[in-house]
C-alpha cells in the first residue's frame, strides 16, 4: 500500500524546521504541562502531524517510557523526523507511520493525543471522523491537545511579516498570504527565500488548502464527542476523557 504524502511540503522542506523552532520555544512547555500525569503504562501516546519532530522530543520527555505512535504524511519532513529520532535513539518506543491522521491505524488504548499545526489539513468531516474514532480508545483522564491557526473564518489574509532565522552566514526567511476558496477553507500562498546579505540565493513557493476552525468551535466538537474541555487557551484546545 502506498500512502500519498503532502507534495506542498517538498519545496519548502529545508525551511520549515528552522522557521518553526521559535514557535516551539513557547509552545513546548505548555504542551508538556498538559501531558503531566499521564500514566505511561496506560496506553500509547499519539502525535498527529509531527512534521520534523520539534514536538516529538517534548512529549517523549514529558511521558517517559510510554510507547509513542507518530503520524507524518510528508516524506520530506519525515526524513528529518527519522534522522532526529535516530540521533537521540529512543529504541523501540517510537513508531513513525508514513501517513496522515486519517490513515493512522489506531491502538486500542490511547494514553494521550497531541496534534499541533495540523488540524486545518483535515476537512470538517475528516476532523469529526477522527475524533469519533479516537474517543472510544482514550483511557480515563487521557488528554487530547490540539491547536488551531488563524484565520478563524474563510477570509483574506494579507501578506504576513517574514519569519527568519540565521544559520552561519545565511538567513532563511518565509512569509505567506491566504485567500478564501470556499465557505470553510482558504488557500495559503507561501514564499521562502535564502539570503546571503542582500542577495537572494534561492527562492521557492508553496500553496496548500487549509480548513478553518476557531478554538471555540473545535472545543465544542471535542465536548460533543464526550470529552471534558477546558476554556481554550488562545489557539490551544485541550479535552480529557472523563474518569469512570
Foldseek 3Di string as FASTA:
>chain_A
DDAAADPLCPVVLVPPVVLCLVVCVPVLVVVLVLLAPQALPQAEEEEFQCFLPSNVVSVCVSHPPHAYEYEHQHPSRVVNNVVVCVVVPPDRRYDYDNYGLLPDDDDQAYREYEYEPPLQQDDPVSNLVSLLVVQNRYAAFYKYKYFFDDDQWQAWFPKDDWRWDDDPQKIKIKIWIWHGDDGFKIKIKMKIFIDRDPDTPDIDIGIDMTGHHQLVRVLVSNVVSPWQWDDADHRMTMTTHHHD
